[in-house]
Amino acid sequence: MNGSVRQVVVVVGAAIVRDGRVLAARRSAPPALAGRWELPGGKVEAGETPEAALVREIAEELGCTIAVRAWLPGAVAIGERHVLRVAVADLVAGEPHPHEHDEVRWLAAGQLDDVDWLEPDRPFLAHLPLG
């Protein structure tokens, strides 16, 4: 080995589901992604489990507490260094308010196409447990 093997960073997203709707968050940065929608979350830090990272990221980004219910199937590459995994989560405390996004919306199954999702999030939409 030549030592140039890159470590893949896991990015976790939360499909927070309540009353048959999923929470979508609109990016405000970076400029190339601003205005597009995602399942909120972030990078797993060294020594952190994906579940712990997701709970931490949602507390930081939305000011609420979630509990991970189950991981959706599959993983999606984001560029060459990141891979996205998404978990279905329940809201257990607080109401989501955007801190790092400029808007959040609860979307029913029939409304998923109403927003411009980031490409890596799209494959997970078909697996959401919505009414």
C-alpha atoms as a PDB file:
ATOM      1  CA  MET A   1       0.000   0.000   0.000  1.00  0.00           C
ATOM      2  CA  ASN A   2       1.153   3.487  -0.765  1.00  0.00           C
ATOM      3  CA  GLY A   3      -0.606   5.178   2.138  1.00  0.00           C
ATOM      4  CA  SER A   4      -3.014   7.131  -0.063  1.00  0.00           C
ATOM      5  CA  VAL A   5      -6.086   5.109   0.891  1.00  0.00           C
ATOM      6  CA  ARG A   6      -8.774   7.549   1.918  1.00  0.00           C
ATOM      7  CA  GLN A   7     -11.070   6.917   4.818  1.00  0.00           C
ATOM      8  CA  VAL A   8     -14.739   7.054   3.817  1.00  0.00           C
ATOM      9  CA  VAL A   9     -16.752   9.359   6.058  1.00  0.00           C
ATOM     10  CA  VAL A  10     -20.274   8.220   6.907  1.00  0.00           C
ATOM     11  CA  VAL A  11     -22.942  10.914   6.707  1.00  0.00           C
ATOM     12  CA  VAL A  12     -26.226  10.146   8.443  1.00  0.00           C
ATOM     13  CA  GLY A  13     -29.634  11.548   7.609  1.00  0.00           C
ATOM     14  CA  ALA A  14     -32.814  11.435   9.679  1.00  0.00           C
ATOM     15  CA  ALA A  15     -36.184  10.618   8.189  1.00  0.00           C
ATOM     16  CA  ILE A  16     -38.136  12.037  11.124  1.00  0.00           C
ATOM     17  CA  VAL A  17     -41.652  10.679  10.704  1.00  0.00           C
ATOM     18  CA  ARG A  18     -44.746  11.956  12.510  1.00  0.00           C
ATOM     19  CA  ASP A  19     -48.424  11.502  11.647  1.00  0.00           C
ATOM     20  CA  GLY A  20     -47.609  10.014   8.241  1.00  0.00           C
ATOM     21  CA  ARG A  21     -45.308  12.892   7.249  1.00  0.00           C
ATOM     22  CA  VAL A  22     -41.529  13.239   7.015  1.00  0.00           C
ATOM     23  CA  LEU A  23     -39.540  16.320   7.972  1.00  0.00           C
ATOM     24  CA  ALA A  24     -37.612  17.926   5.112  1.00  0.00           C
ATOM     25  CA  ALA A  25     -35.066  20.710   5.646  1.00  0.00           C
ATOM     26  CA  ARG A  26     -33.998  23.324   3.076  1.00  0.00           C
ATOM     27  CA  ARG A  27     -30.271  24.029   2.805  1.00  0.00           C
ATOM     28  CA  SER A  28     -29.034  27.579   3.125  1.00  0.00           C
ATOM     29  CA  ALA A  29     -25.359  26.743   2.469  1.00  0.00           C
ATOM     30  CA  PRO A  30     -23.092  26.139   0.654  1.00  0.00           C
ATOM     31  CA  PRO A  31     -24.310  28.280  -2.264  1.00  0.00           C
ATOM     32  CA  ALA A  32     -24.318  25.322  -4.688  1.00  0.00           C
ATOM     33  CA  LEU A  33     -26.819  23.471  -2.467  1.00  0.00           C
ATOM     34  CA  ALA A  34     -28.812  26.415  -1.084  1.00  0.00           C
ATOM     35  CA  GLY A  35     -32.544  26.151  -1.690  1.00  0.00           C
ATOM     36  CA  ARG A  36     -32.492  22.369  -2.136  1.00  0.00           C
ATOM     37  CA  TRP A  37     -34.055  19.976   0.363  1.00  0.00           C
ATOM     38  CA  GLU A  38     -32.597  17.136   2.406  1.00  0.00           C
ATOM     39  CA  LEU A  39     -33.210  14.774   5.241  1.00  0.00           C
ATOM     40  CA  PRO A  40     -31.330  16.583   8.033  1.00  0.00           C
ATOM     41  CA  GLY A  41     -28.210  15.117   9.615  1.00  0.00           C
ATOM     42  CA  GLY A  42     -24.460  15.250   9.278  1.00  0.00           C
ATOM     43  CA  LYS A  43     -21.120  13.501   9.558  1.00  0.00           C
ATOM     44  CA  VAL A  44     -20.328  10.737  12.014  1.00  0.00           C
ATOM     45  CA  GLU A  45     -17.349  11.861  14.126  1.00  0.00           C
ATOM     46  CA  ALA A  46     -14.475   9.550  15.128  1.00  0.00           C
ATOM     47  CA  GLY A  47     -15.495   7.236  17.968  1.00  0.00           C
ATOM     48  CA  GLU A  48     -19.208   7.987  17.493  1.00  0.00           C
ATOM     49  CA  THR A  49     -21.895   5.496  16.478  1.00  0.00           C
ATOM     50  CA  PRO A  50     -24.148   6.445  13.564  1.00  0.00           C
ATOM     51  CA  GLU A  51     -27.111   6.560  15.967  1.00  0.00           C
ATOM     52  CA  ALA A  52     -25.323   8.893  18.394  1.00  0.00           C
ATOM     53  CA  ALA A  53     -24.182  11.115  15.518  1.00  0.00           C
ATOM     54  CA  LEU A  54     -27.734  11.419  14.220  1.00  0.00           C
ATOM     55  CA  VAL A  55     -29.163  12.326  17.629  1.00  0.00           C
ATOM     56  CA  ARG A  56     -26.377  14.922  18.099  1.00  0.00           C
ATOM     57  CA  GLU A  57     -26.731  16.429  14.628  1.00  0.00           C
ATOM     58  CA  ILE A  58     -30.517  16.803  14.927  1.00  0.00           C
ATOM     59  CA  ALA A  59     -30.152  18.462  18.346  1.00  0.00           C
ATOM     60  CA  GLU A  60     -27.613  20.906  16.831  1.00  0.00           C
ATOM     61  CA  GLU A  61     -29.474  21.567  13.565  1.00  0.00           C
ATOM     62  CA  LEU A  62     -33.092  21.513  14.719  1.00  0.00           C
ATOM     63  CA  GLY A  63     -33.034  21.887  18.509  1.00  0.00           C
ATOM     64  CA  CYS A  64     -35.072  18.748  19.176  1.00  0.00           C
ATOM     65  CA  THR A  65     -34.491  15.183  20.333  1.00  0.00           C
ATOM     66  CA  ILE A  66     -35.024  12.088  18.209  1.00  0.00           C
ATOM     67  CA  ALA A  67     -34.828   8.338  18.726  1.00  0.00           C
ATOM     68  CA  VAL A  68     -33.601   6.161  15.860  1.00  0.00           C
ATOM     69  CA  ARG A  69     -36.207   3.553  14.949  1.00  0.00           C
ATOM     70  CA  ALA A  70     -34.533   1.683  12.052  1.00  0.00           C
ATOM     71  CA  TRP A  71     -32.019   2.199   9.234  1.00  0.00           C
ATOM     72  CA  LEU A  72     -33.357   2.314   5.697  1.00  0.00           C
ATOM     73  CA  PRO A  73     -31.766  -0.090   3.200  1.00  0.00           C
ATOM     74  CA  GLY A  74     -28.737   0.937   1.211  1.00  0.00           C
ATOM     75  CA  ALA A  75     -26.143   3.675   1.224  1.00  0.00           C
ATOM     76  CA  VAL A  76     -25.450   6.375  -1.360  1.00  0.00           C
ATOM     77  CA  ALA A  77     -22.044   7.781  -2.272  1.00  0.00           C
ATOM     78  CA  ILE A  78     -21.635  11.543  -1.965  1.00  0.00           C
ATOM     79  CA  GLY A  79     -18.586  12.316  -4.045  1.00  0.00           C
ATOM     80  CA  GLU A  80     -15.530  10.156  -3.433  1.00  0.00           C
ATOM     81  CA  ARG A  81     -15.134  10.551   0.309  1.00  0.00           C
ATOM     82  CA  HIS A  82     -18.605  10.351   1.846  1.00  0.00           C
ATOM     83  CA  VAL A  83     -21.430   7.834   1.997  1.00  0.00           C
ATOM     84  CA  LEU A  84     -24.990   8.609   3.131  1.00  0.00           C
ATOM     85  CA  ARG A  85     -27.086   6.311   5.309  1.00  0.00           C
ATOM     86  CA  VAL A  86     -30.596   7.264   6.424  1.00  0.00           C
ATOM     87  CA  ALA A  87     -32.542   6.205   9.510  1.00  0.00           C
ATOM     88  CA  VAL A  88     -36.215   6.512  10.311  1.00  0.00           C
ATOM     89  CA  ALA A  89     -36.508   8.394  13.583  1.00  0.00           C
ATOM     90  CA  ASP A  90     -39.205   9.480  16.007  1.00  0.00           C
ATOM     91  CA  LEU A  91     -39.415  12.946  17.511  1.00  0.00           C
ATOM     92  CA  VAL A  92     -39.275  12.439  21.286  1.00  0.00           C
ATOM     93  CA  ALA A  93     -38.790  15.972  22.649  1.00  0.00           C
ATOM     94  CA  GLY A  94     -39.153  19.494  21.325  1.00  0.00           C
ATOM     95  CA  GLU A  95     -40.288  20.834  17.966  1.00  0.00           C
ATOM     96  CA  PRO A  96     -37.877  21.125  15.048  1.00  0.00           C
ATOM     97  CA  HIS A  97     -36.777  24.684  14.292  1.00  0.00           C
ATOM     98  CA  PRO A  98     -34.109  25.333  11.661  1.00  0.00           C
ATOM     99  CA  HIS A  99     -30.753  26.580  12.949  1.00  0.00           C
ATOM    100  CA  GLU A 100     -28.592  25.633   9.958  1.00  0.00           C
ATOM    101  CA  HIS A 101     -31.396  25.459   7.367  1.00  0.00           C
ATOM    102  CA  ASP A 102     -33.718  28.270   6.310  1.00  0.00           C
ATOM    103  CA  GLU A 103     -36.965  26.272   6.345  1.00  0.00           C
ATOM    104  CA  VAL A 104     -38.396  22.926   7.441  1.00  0.00           C
ATOM    105  CA  ARG A 105     -41.565  21.273   6.169  1.00  0.00           C
ATOM    106  CA  TRP A 106     -43.575  18.186   7.078  1.00  0.00           C
ATOM    107  CA  LEU A 107     -44.335  16.360   3.809  1.00  0.00           C
ATOM    108  CA  ALA A 108     -46.880  13.608   3.217  1.00  0.00           C
ATOM    109  CA  ALA A 109     -46.173  10.866   0.665  1.00  0.00           C
ATOM    110  CA  GLY A 110     -48.004  12.784  -2.058  1.00  0.00           C
ATOM    111  CA  GLN A 111     -45.955  15.924  -1.394  1.00  0.00           C
ATOM    112  CA  LEU A 112     -42.451  14.452  -1.697  1.00  0.00           C
ATOM    113  CA  ASP A 113     -42.154  15.664  -5.299  1.00  0.00           C
ATOM    114  CA  ASP A 114     -43.113  19.224  -4.278  1.00  0.00           C
ATOM    115  CA  VAL A 115     -39.544  20.036  -3.203  1.00  0.00           C
ATOM    116  CA  ASP A 116     -36.168  19.833  -4.977  1.00  0.00           C
ATOM    117  CA  TRP A 117     -34.345  17.077  -3.065  1.00  0.00           C
ATOM    118  CA  LEU A 118     -30.573  16.737  -3.061  1.00  0.00           C
ATOM    119  CA  GLU A 119     -29.603  13.795  -5.278  1.00  0.00           C
ATOM    120  CA  PRO A 120     -28.156  11.549  -2.509  1.00  0.00           C
ATOM    121  CA  ASP A 121     -31.433  11.738  -0.531  1.00  0.00           C
ATOM    122  CA  ARG A 122     -33.715  10.748  -3.415  1.00  0.00           C
ATOM    123  CA  PRO A 123     -33.167   6.935  -3.335  1.00  0.00           C
ATOM    124  CA  PHE A 124     -34.335   6.811   0.294  1.00  0.00           C
ATOM    125  CA  LEU A 125     -37.690   8.511  -0.351  1.00  0.00           C
ATOM    126  CA  ALA A 126     -39.266   5.340  -1.738  1.00  0.00           C
ATOM    127  CA  HIS A 127     -38.528   3.527   1.537  1.00  0.00           C
ATOM    128  CA  LEU A 128     -40.125   6.051   3.894  1.00  0.00           C
ATOM    129  CA  PRO A 129     -42.889   4.592   6.086  1.00  0.00           C
ATOM    130  CA  LEU A 130     -45.495   7.220   5.272  1.00  0.00           C
ATOM    131  CA  GLY A 131     -49.271   6.697   5.515  1.00  0.00           C
END
